Amino acid sequence: MKAYVKPYIPGPDEHQRFADQSESLHLIWRCPDCVHVVASTTACSLEFRTRLLMQATSFVDDKGNFTFCKYFESA
């Protein structure tokens, strides 16, 4: 079974809360930083789609949706 992220459009307060919590909790939400990515193939061992998160500079995509791995971890 492959992971699927249901679309959700966050508001400004949610954007800020995610940014604050990511920083304070040292959350790893990008694929290059994650232990679940297989370096040789850049595939996720949990079968999460990595295309957007391999080069992400923000946790929000161009449409304003949160884009982060639901398996994010604390560093």
N, C-alpha and C. Protein backbone atom coordinates (compact mmCIF):
# COMPACT_ATOMS: atom_id res chain seq x y z
N MET A 1 0.84 -1.18 0.00
CA MET A 1 0.00 0.00 0.00
C MET A 1 0.89 1.24 0.00
N LYS A 2 0.62 2.16 -0.89
CA LYS A 2 1.39 3.39 -0.98
C LYS A 2 0.76 4.48 -0.12
N ALA A 3 1.62 5.35 0.41
CA ALA A 3 1.14 6.46 1.21
C ALA A 3 0.47 7.49 0.31
N TYR A 4 -0.56 8.14 0.80
CA TYR A 4 -1.25 9.18 0.05
C TYR A 4 -1.54 10.33 1.00
N VAL A 5 -1.28 11.54 0.54
CA VAL A 5 -1.54 12.72 1.35
C VAL A 5 -2.79 13.40 0.82
N LYS A 6 -3.79 13.53 1.65
CA LYS A 6 -5.03 14.19 1.26
C LYS A 6 -4.78 15.70 1.17
N PRO A 7 -5.20 16.36 0.07
CA PRO A 7 -4.99 17.80 -0.06
C PRO A 7 -5.65 18.58 1.07
N TYR A 8 -4.96 19.58 1.55
CA TYR A 8 -5.46 20.43 2.63
C TYR A 8 -4.81 21.80 2.48
N ILE A 9 -5.60 22.86 2.52
CA ILE A 9 -5.04 24.21 2.39
C ILE A 9 -5.02 24.87 3.76
N PRO A 10 -3.82 25.05 4.32
CA PRO A 10 -3.68 25.65 5.65
C PRO A 10 -3.80 27.17 5.61
N GLY A 11 -4.21 27.73 6.72
CA GLY A 11 -4.28 29.17 6.85
C GLY A 11 -2.97 29.73 7.39
N PRO A 12 -2.84 31.06 7.47
CA PRO A 12 -1.60 31.70 7.93
C PRO A 12 -1.17 31.25 9.33
N ASP A 13 -2.13 31.06 10.24
CA ASP A 13 -1.78 30.62 11.60
C ASP A 13 -1.16 29.22 11.59
N GLU A 14 -1.69 28.36 10.72
CA GLU A 14 -1.16 27.00 10.64
C GLU A 14 0.24 26.98 10.03
N HIS A 15 0.46 27.84 9.03
CA HIS A 15 1.79 27.96 8.44
C HIS A 15 2.81 28.35 9.52
N GLN A 16 2.45 29.36 10.30
CA GLN A 16 3.37 29.85 11.32
C GLN A 16 3.59 28.81 12.41
N ARG A 17 2.52 28.13 12.81
CA ARG A 17 2.65 27.10 13.85
C ARG A 17 3.57 25.97 13.38
N PHE A 18 3.44 25.55 12.12
CA PHE A 18 4.31 24.50 11.60
C PHE A 18 5.76 24.98 11.58
N ALA A 19 5.98 26.20 11.13
CA ALA A 19 7.34 26.75 11.09
C ALA A 19 7.94 26.81 12.49
N ASP A 20 7.18 27.30 13.44
CA ASP A 20 7.65 27.41 14.82
C ASP A 20 7.94 26.04 15.43
N GLN A 21 7.04 25.10 15.24
CA GLN A 21 7.22 23.76 15.81
C GLN A 21 8.37 23.02 15.12
N SER A 22 8.49 23.18 13.81
CA SER A 22 9.60 22.54 13.10
C SER A 22 10.94 23.01 13.64
N GLU A 23 11.03 24.31 13.89
CA GLU A 23 12.28 24.85 14.41
C GLU A 23 12.52 24.42 15.85
N SER A 24 11.52 24.57 16.70
CA SER A 24 11.72 24.29 18.12
C SER A 24 11.92 22.79 18.40
N LEU A 25 11.28 21.93 17.61
CA LEU A 25 11.39 20.49 17.83
C LEU A 25 12.42 19.82 16.92
N HIS A 26 13.07 20.63 16.07
CA HIS A 26 14.08 20.12 15.14
C HIS A 26 13.51 19.01 14.26
N LEU A 27 12.33 19.28 13.68
CA LEU A 27 11.67 18.27 12.86
C LEU A 27 12.35 18.11 11.51
N ILE A 28 12.50 16.89 11.09
CA ILE A 28 13.04 16.56 9.77
C ILE A 28 11.84 16.24 8.89
N TRP A 29 11.57 17.07 7.91
CA TRP A 29 10.39 16.88 7.07
C TRP A 29 10.74 16.80 5.58
N ARG A 30 12.01 16.93 5.24
CA ARG A 30 12.47 16.84 3.85
C ARG A 30 13.17 15.50 3.64
N CYS A 31 13.01 14.93 2.47
CA CYS A 31 13.57 13.61 2.17
C CYS A 31 15.10 13.53 2.27
N PRO A 32 15.86 14.52 1.79
CA PRO A 32 17.31 14.37 1.87
C PRO A 32 17.85 14.23 3.31
N ASP A 33 17.07 14.68 4.28
CA ASP A 33 17.50 14.64 5.68
C ASP A 33 16.97 13.41 6.42
N CYS A 34 16.17 12.59 5.77
CA CYS A 34 15.44 11.51 6.43
C CYS A 34 16.15 10.17 6.35
N VAL A 35 16.04 9.39 7.40
CA VAL A 35 16.65 8.07 7.43
C VAL A 35 15.89 7.05 6.59
N HIS A 36 14.67 7.39 6.16
CA HIS A 36 13.85 6.45 5.38
C HIS A 36 14.14 6.50 3.88
N VAL A 37 14.96 7.45 3.44
CA VAL A 37 15.29 7.55 2.02
C VAL A 37 16.48 6.66 1.71
N VAL A 38 16.33 5.86 0.67
CA VAL A 38 17.41 4.99 0.20
C VAL A 38 18.29 5.85 -0.71
N ALA A 39 19.51 6.10 -0.29
CA ALA A 39 20.38 7.04 -1.00
C ALA A 39 20.61 6.66 -2.46
N SER A 40 20.77 5.40 -2.75
CA SER A 40 21.09 4.97 -4.11
C SER A 40 19.93 5.17 -5.10
N THR A 41 18.70 5.18 -4.60
CA THR A 41 17.54 5.32 -5.49
C THR A 41 16.70 6.55 -5.20
N THR A 42 16.96 7.24 -4.11
CA THR A 42 16.17 8.36 -3.58
C THR A 42 14.70 7.98 -3.37
N ALA A 43 14.44 6.70 -3.23
CA ALA A 43 13.08 6.23 -2.92
C ALA A 43 12.91 6.15 -1.41
N CYS A 44 11.70 6.28 -0.98
CA CYS A 44 11.38 6.19 0.45
C CYS A 44 11.10 4.74 0.82
N SER A 45 11.71 4.28 1.90
CA SER A 45 11.47 2.90 2.33
C SER A 45 10.03 2.70 2.83
N LEU A 46 9.34 3.81 3.12
CA LEU A 46 7.94 3.75 3.55
C LEU A 46 6.99 4.01 2.38
N GLU A 47 7.55 4.11 1.17
CA GLU A 47 6.83 4.32 -0.07
C GLU A 47 6.13 5.67 -0.17
N PHE A 48 6.61 6.66 0.57
CA PHE A 48 6.08 8.02 0.46
C PHE A 48 6.65 8.63 -0.82
N ARG A 49 5.85 9.46 -1.49
CA ARG A 49 6.33 10.11 -2.72
C ARG A 49 7.39 11.15 -2.38
N THR A 50 8.56 11.04 -2.96
CA THR A 50 9.67 11.93 -2.61
C THR A 50 9.90 13.05 -3.61
N ARG A 51 9.24 13.04 -4.74
CA ARG A 51 9.52 14.00 -5.81
C ARG A 51 9.51 15.44 -5.31
N LEU A 52 8.48 15.85 -4.62
CA LEU A 52 8.39 17.23 -4.15
C LEU A 52 9.33 17.55 -3.00
N LEU A 53 9.58 16.58 -2.16
CA LEU A 53 10.35 16.85 -0.95
C LEU A 53 11.85 16.71 -1.10
N MET A 54 12.31 16.16 -2.20
CA MET A 54 13.76 16.03 -2.39
C MET A 54 14.41 17.40 -2.55
N GLN A 55 13.73 18.35 -3.18
CA GLN A 55 14.31 19.67 -3.44
C GLN A 55 13.52 20.78 -2.77
N ALA A 56 12.65 20.44 -1.86
CA ALA A 56 11.80 21.45 -1.22
C ALA A 56 12.62 22.47 -0.43
N THR A 57 12.24 23.72 -0.58
CA THR A 57 12.85 24.78 0.22
C THR A 57 11.85 25.31 1.24
N SER A 58 10.61 24.85 1.12
CA SER A 58 9.55 25.26 2.02
C SER A 58 8.61 24.07 2.23
N PHE A 59 7.88 24.09 3.32
CA PHE A 59 6.91 23.04 3.59
C PHE A 59 5.55 23.36 2.98
N VAL A 60 5.50 24.42 2.17
CA VAL A 60 4.28 24.83 1.49
C VAL A 60 4.54 24.80 -0.01
N ASP A 61 3.65 24.15 -0.77
CA ASP A 61 3.85 24.08 -2.21
C ASP A 61 3.35 25.36 -2.89
N ASP A 62 3.44 25.42 -4.20
CA ASP A 62 3.06 26.61 -4.96
C ASP A 62 1.58 26.96 -4.83
N LYS A 63 0.76 25.98 -4.48
CA LYS A 63 -0.68 26.21 -4.33
C LYS A 63 -1.05 26.60 -2.91
N GLY A 64 -0.07 26.63 -1.99
CA GLY A 64 -0.33 26.99 -0.60
C GLY A 64 -0.63 25.82 0.30
N ASN A 65 -0.50 24.60 -0.22
CA ASN A 65 -0.74 23.40 0.58
C ASN A 65 0.51 23.00 1.34
N PHE A 66 0.31 22.45 2.54
CA PHE A 66 1.44 21.87 3.25
C PHE A 66 2.01 20.73 2.41
N THR A 67 3.31 20.64 2.33
CA THR A 67 3.97 19.55 1.61
C THR A 67 5.11 19.07 2.49
N PHE A 68 4.84 18.08 3.28
CA PHE A 68 5.88 17.49 4.13
C PHE A 68 5.52 16.04 4.36
N CYS A 69 6.51 15.26 4.72
CA CYS A 69 6.28 13.84 4.94
C CYS A 69 5.49 13.62 6.22
N LYS A 70 4.48 12.78 6.14
CA LYS A 70 3.70 12.51 7.34
C LYS A 70 4.46 11.65 8.34
N TYR A 71 5.61 11.12 7.91
CA TYR A 71 6.46 10.32 8.79
C TYR A 71 7.60 11.16 9.35
N PHE A 72 7.42 12.50 9.37
CA PHE A 72 8.53 13.35 9.81
C PHE A 72 9.03 12.92 11.18
N GLU A 73 10.29 13.22 11.44
CA GLU A 73 10.92 12.76 12.66
C GLU A 73 11.66 13.89 13.34
N SER A 74 12.02 13.71 14.57
CA SER A 74 12.78 14.69 15.31
C SER A 74 14.25 14.34 15.23
N ALA A 75 15.06 15.34 14.96
CA ALA A 75 16.51 15.12 14.84
C ALA A 75 17.14 14.85 16.19
